[in-house]
């Protein structure tokens, strides 16, 4: 796919620059390429350029893509395993394909969903890595659990045998002002650090920041940034 390697490199350079500004080692921030609405060829182009982690928002599209890319990889990128992250809303009747095909889930906000993911996770795949989605901006229309309720959900998830509680995720309300971008990320970091004291070193992931606010997220401690359009280009949702 034309332009993907160059755009991917530009995003990686921006992450390195933000890490330098924050006085953080660049290896502490992982890039998740959000490939929703783009086909397997786009994923393969990014993989050939060195990207290994990909995020999907829609269950059936994601499962189809995981399978298609796995079939294509042996010829194009032998010996390499990609990791797949589910980052969209989770319906209770769609937990099985997520549990069976993804390595990470960033959007757990209910104990019922977590329990279904644990029950349906094939033992051969090992524990499913889980982040809890927090509605850090308090938006009525936004998915995620309220900050005051996160600890109780974290405790419930940590007890489930086939899940591995890794951290928190948020999609704050969009803001053009840089200080306004940083504020919700800072609040999420404070919550994350408090919970890390309780849940230990495996609780190590702050999934926050996208194409428009990635720098603010890195400055506030993001360990995973979820970037789509800056890598793959503008999306056509009418396809």
Protein backbone atom coordinates (compact mmCIF):
# COMPACT_ATOMS: atom_id res chain seq x y z
CA UNK A 1 0.00 0.00 0.00
CA UNK A 2 1.49 3.29 -1.10
CA UNK A 3 2.66 5.62 1.63
CA UNK A 4 2.12 3.34 4.64
CA UNK A 5 5.83 2.74 5.41
CA UNK A 6 6.56 6.47 5.24
CA UNK A 7 3.60 7.42 7.43
CA UNK A 8 4.44 4.66 9.88
CA UNK A 9 7.99 5.99 10.17
CA UNK A 10 6.68 9.51 10.74
CA UNK A 11 4.48 8.30 13.61
CA UNK A 12 7.37 6.38 15.13
CA UNK A 13 9.54 9.49 14.88
CA UNK A 14 6.81 11.53 16.60
CA UNK A 15 6.68 8.99 19.43
CA UNK A 16 10.45 9.17 19.87
CA UNK A 17 10.30 12.97 19.93
CA UNK A 18 7.50 12.97 22.52
CA UNK A 19 9.42 10.49 24.65
CA UNK A 20 12.45 12.77 24.49
CA UNK A 21 10.31 15.69 25.59
CA UNK A 22 8.96 13.60 28.47
CA UNK A 23 12.41 12.20 29.30
CA UNK A 24 11.11 8.70 28.80
CA UNK A 25 12.81 5.81 26.96
CA UNK A 26 11.12 5.29 23.57
CA UNK A 27 10.90 1.55 24.14
CA UNK A 28 8.39 2.28 26.92
CA UNK A 29 5.74 3.39 24.40
CA UNK A 30 4.26 0.84 22.00
CA UNK A 31 2.49 1.76 18.79
CA UNK A 32 -0.82 0.05 18.08
CA UNK A 33 -1.75 0.49 14.41
CA UNK A 34 -5.54 0.77 14.21
CA UNK A 35 -6.43 -0.98 10.98
CA UNK A 36 -10.25 -0.88 11.15
CA UNK A 37 -11.92 -0.44 7.74
CA UNK A 38 -8.62 -1.18 5.98
CA UNK A 39 -8.03 -4.55 4.33
CA UNK A 40 -5.41 -7.23 4.97
CA UNK A 41 -3.17 -5.69 2.31
CA UNK A 42 -2.80 -2.55 4.43
CA UNK A 43 -1.90 -4.63 7.48
CA UNK A 44 0.66 -6.57 5.47
CA UNK A 45 2.20 -3.35 4.15
CA UNK A 46 2.60 -2.08 7.72
CA UNK A 47 3.92 -5.45 8.89
CA UNK A 48 6.51 -5.49 6.12
CA UNK A 49 7.59 -2.04 7.35
CA UNK A 50 8.12 -3.42 10.85
CA UNK A 51 4.77 -2.93 12.64
CA UNK A 52 3.68 -5.88 14.76
CA UNK A 53 0.61 -4.81 16.80
CA UNK A 54 -2.76 -4.05 15.19
CA UNK A 55 -6.08 -2.87 16.60
CA UNK A 56 -9.59 -3.65 15.39
CA UNK A 57 -12.93 -2.14 16.44
CA UNK A 58 -15.44 -4.43 14.75
CA UNK A 59 -15.63 -8.11 15.67
CA UNK A 60 -16.39 -9.82 12.37
CA UNK A 61 -14.14 -7.53 10.33
CA UNK A 62 -11.37 -8.11 12.83
CA UNK A 63 -11.73 -11.89 12.92
CA UNK A 64 -11.80 -12.08 9.12
CA UNK A 65 -8.68 -9.92 8.96
CA UNK A 66 -6.80 -11.95 11.57
CA UNK A 67 -7.45 -15.07 9.52
CA UNK A 68 -6.62 -13.49 6.15
CA UNK A 69 -3.38 -11.95 7.38
CA UNK A 70 -2.32 -15.22 9.05
CA UNK A 71 -2.77 -17.00 5.72
CA UNK A 72 -0.72 -14.38 3.87
CA UNK A 73 2.08 -13.97 6.41
CA UNK A 74 4.05 -17.18 5.82
CA UNK A 75 5.01 -16.03 2.33
CA UNK A 76 5.46 -12.32 3.03
CA UNK A 77 6.91 -12.28 6.54
CA UNK A 78 8.08 -15.75 7.60
CA UNK A 79 8.63 -16.42 11.29
CA UNK A 80 6.83 -13.29 12.48
CA UNK A 81 3.82 -13.25 14.78
CA UNK A 82 1.55 -10.24 14.88
CA UNK A 83 -0.47 -9.34 17.97
CA UNK A 84 -4.11 -8.35 17.64
CA UNK A 85 -5.93 -5.99 20.00
CA UNK A 86 -9.69 -5.56 20.16
CA UNK A 87 -10.44 -1.90 20.91
CA UNK A 88 -14.14 -1.53 20.11
CA UNK A 89 -17.36 -1.87 22.10
CA UNK A 90 -18.09 -5.43 23.25
CA UNK A 91 -21.55 -6.97 22.99
CA UNK A 92 -22.18 -10.01 25.17
CA UNK A 93 -23.07 -12.15 22.15
CA UNK A 94 -19.73 -11.33 20.48
CA UNK A 95 -17.35 -12.31 23.27
CA UNK A 96 -16.49 -15.77 21.95
CA UNK A 97 -14.83 -14.68 18.67
CA UNK A 98 -12.92 -12.00 20.57
CA UNK A 99 -11.72 -14.53 23.14
CA UNK A 100 -10.72 -16.97 20.41
CA UNK A 101 -8.89 -14.63 18.01
CA UNK A 102 -7.41 -11.67 19.86
CA UNK A 103 -4.40 -11.30 22.15
CA UNK A 104 -5.60 -8.15 23.93
CA UNK A 105 -8.91 -6.47 24.76
CA UNK A 106 -8.83 -2.78 25.73
CA UNK A 107 -12.53 -2.14 26.28
CA UNK A 108 -13.77 -4.20 29.22
CA UNK A 109 -16.25 -2.17 31.26
CA UNK A 110 -18.54 -4.81 32.77
CA UNK A 111 -17.87 -7.87 34.95
CA UNK A 112 -20.32 -9.91 32.87
CA UNK A 113 -18.28 -9.29 29.71
CA UNK A 114 -15.04 -10.12 31.50
CA UNK A 115 -16.49 -13.38 32.83
CA UNK A 116 -17.65 -14.43 29.36
CA UNK A 117 -14.23 -13.66 27.87
CA UNK A 118 -12.58 -15.76 30.55
CA UNK A 119 -14.98 -18.68 30.11
CA UNK A 120 -14.60 -18.66 26.33
CA UNK A 121 -10.82 -18.17 26.13
CA UNK A 122 -9.20 -21.34 24.72
CA UNK A 123 -6.69 -22.69 27.24
CA UNK A 124 -4.13 -23.29 24.51
CA UNK A 125 -3.90 -19.54 23.81
CA UNK A 126 -2.99 -18.58 27.37
CA UNK A 127 -4.59 -15.71 29.31
CA UNK A 128 -6.20 -12.86 27.38
CA UNK A 129 -4.60 -9.49 28.19
CA UNK A 130 -7.25 -7.04 29.39
CA UNK A 131 -7.48 -3.30 29.95
CA UNK A 132 -10.46 -1.62 31.60
CA UNK A 133 -12.02 1.23 29.66
CA UNK A 134 -12.50 4.31 31.83
CA UNK A 135 -14.87 7.15 30.98
CA UNK A 136 -12.32 9.64 32.20
CA UNK A 137 -14.11 12.72 30.80
CA UNK A 138 -17.51 11.77 32.24
CA UNK A 139 -19.27 12.01 28.88
CA UNK A 140 -22.82 10.66 28.91
CA UNK A 141 -22.44 9.23 25.41
CA UNK A 142 -19.00 7.67 25.94
CA UNK A 143 -18.33 4.03 26.78
CA UNK A 144 -16.34 3.14 29.85
CA UNK A 145 -16.68 2.78 33.59
CA UNK A 146 -16.65 5.73 35.97
CA UNK A 147 -13.29 6.27 37.71
CA UNK A 148 -14.84 5.64 41.14
CA UNK A 149 -15.95 2.16 40.03
CA UNK A 150 -12.71 1.01 38.41
CA UNK A 151 -11.09 -0.59 41.45
CA UNK A 152 -14.03 -2.91 42.11
CA UNK A 153 -14.11 -4.04 38.48
CA UNK A 154 -10.34 -4.52 38.50
CA UNK A 155 -10.62 -6.78 41.53
CA UNK A 156 -13.29 -8.87 39.80
CA UNK A 157 -11.29 -9.19 36.59
CA UNK A 158 -8.09 -10.08 38.45
CA UNK A 159 -9.87 -13.12 39.92
CA UNK A 160 -10.85 -14.57 36.53
CA UNK A 161 -8.57 -17.46 35.59
CA UNK A 162 -8.17 -16.91 31.85
CA UNK A 163 -7.67 -13.15 31.88
CA UNK A 164 -4.57 -11.13 32.69
CA UNK A 165 -5.40 -7.66 34.01
CA UNK A 166 -2.91 -5.29 32.38
CA UNK A 167 -4.13 -1.72 32.92
CA UNK A 168 -6.46 1.05 31.83
CA UNK A 169 -7.67 2.55 28.57
CA UNK A 170 -9.53 5.78 27.81
CA UNK A 171 -10.77 7.87 24.91
CA UNK A 172 -11.13 11.39 26.37
CA UNK A 173 -13.37 14.07 24.96
CA UNK A 174 -11.61 15.67 21.96
CA UNK A 175 -9.85 18.97 22.63
CA UNK A 176 -7.82 21.28 20.43
CA UNK A 177 -5.99 23.00 23.29
CA UNK A 178 -2.88 21.06 24.31
CA UNK A 179 -3.34 21.63 28.05
CA UNK A 180 -6.93 20.43 27.73
CA UNK A 181 -5.70 17.31 25.94
CA UNK A 182 -3.27 16.53 28.75
CA UNK A 183 -5.69 16.96 31.65
CA UNK A 184 -7.75 13.73 31.26
CA UNK A 185 -4.63 11.73 30.50
CA UNK A 186 -3.07 13.04 33.71
CA UNK A 187 -6.19 12.01 35.64
CA UNK A 188 -6.07 8.52 34.15
CA UNK A 189 -2.38 8.23 35.04
CA UNK A 190 -3.09 9.09 38.68
CA UNK A 191 -5.77 6.39 38.81
CA UNK A 192 -3.45 3.92 37.09
CA UNK A 193 -0.60 4.55 39.51
CA UNK A 194 -2.88 4.06 42.50
CA UNK A 195 -4.14 0.75 41.17
CA UNK A 196 -0.66 -0.42 40.22
CA UNK A 197 0.32 -0.28 43.89
CA UNK A 198 -2.44 -2.82 44.57
CA UNK A 199 -2.22 -5.07 41.52
CA UNK A 200 1.53 -5.23 41.11
CA UNK A 201 3.98 -5.22 38.21
CA UNK A 202 1.70 -7.00 35.71
CA UNK A 203 -0.57 -3.95 35.89
CA UNK A 204 1.66 -2.07 33.48
CA UNK A 205 -0.41 -0.66 30.61
CA UNK A 206 -1.87 2.78 29.95
CA UNK A 207 -3.62 2.65 26.58
CA UNK A 208 -4.33 6.28 25.69
CA UNK A 209 -3.72 8.69 22.86
CA UNK A 210 -4.62 8.62 19.17
CA UNK A 211 -3.47 10.44 16.05
CA UNK A 212 -4.65 13.87 17.21
CA UNK A 213 -3.51 13.75 20.86
CA UNK A 214 -0.66 11.24 20.87
CA UNK A 215 1.96 13.73 22.09
CA UNK A 216 -0.16 14.75 25.08
CA UNK A 217 -0.72 11.09 25.96
CA UNK A 218 2.97 10.22 25.82
CA UNK A 219 3.83 13.19 28.02
CA UNK A 220 1.34 11.88 30.58
CA UNK A 221 2.65 8.32 30.62
CA UNK A 222 0.95 6.34 27.84
CA UNK A 223 2.50 2.92 27.25
CA UNK A 224 0.31 2.15 24.20
CA UNK A 225 -0.85 4.76 21.69
CA UNK A 226 -3.58 3.79 19.23
CA UNK A 227 -2.94 5.40 15.85
CA UNK A 228 -4.92 4.75 12.69
CA UNK A 229 -5.41 7.58 10.19
CA UNK A 230 -1.86 8.91 10.60
CA UNK A 231 -0.62 5.52 9.38
CA UNK A 232 -3.26 4.23 6.97
CA UNK A 233 -4.79 7.50 5.76
CA UNK A 234 -8.37 8.77 5.83
CA UNK A 235 -11.04 6.12 6.35
CA UNK A 236 -13.92 5.49 3.99
CA UNK A 237 -16.75 4.20 6.19
CA UNK A 238 -18.94 3.72 3.11
CA UNK A 239 -16.92 0.86 1.76
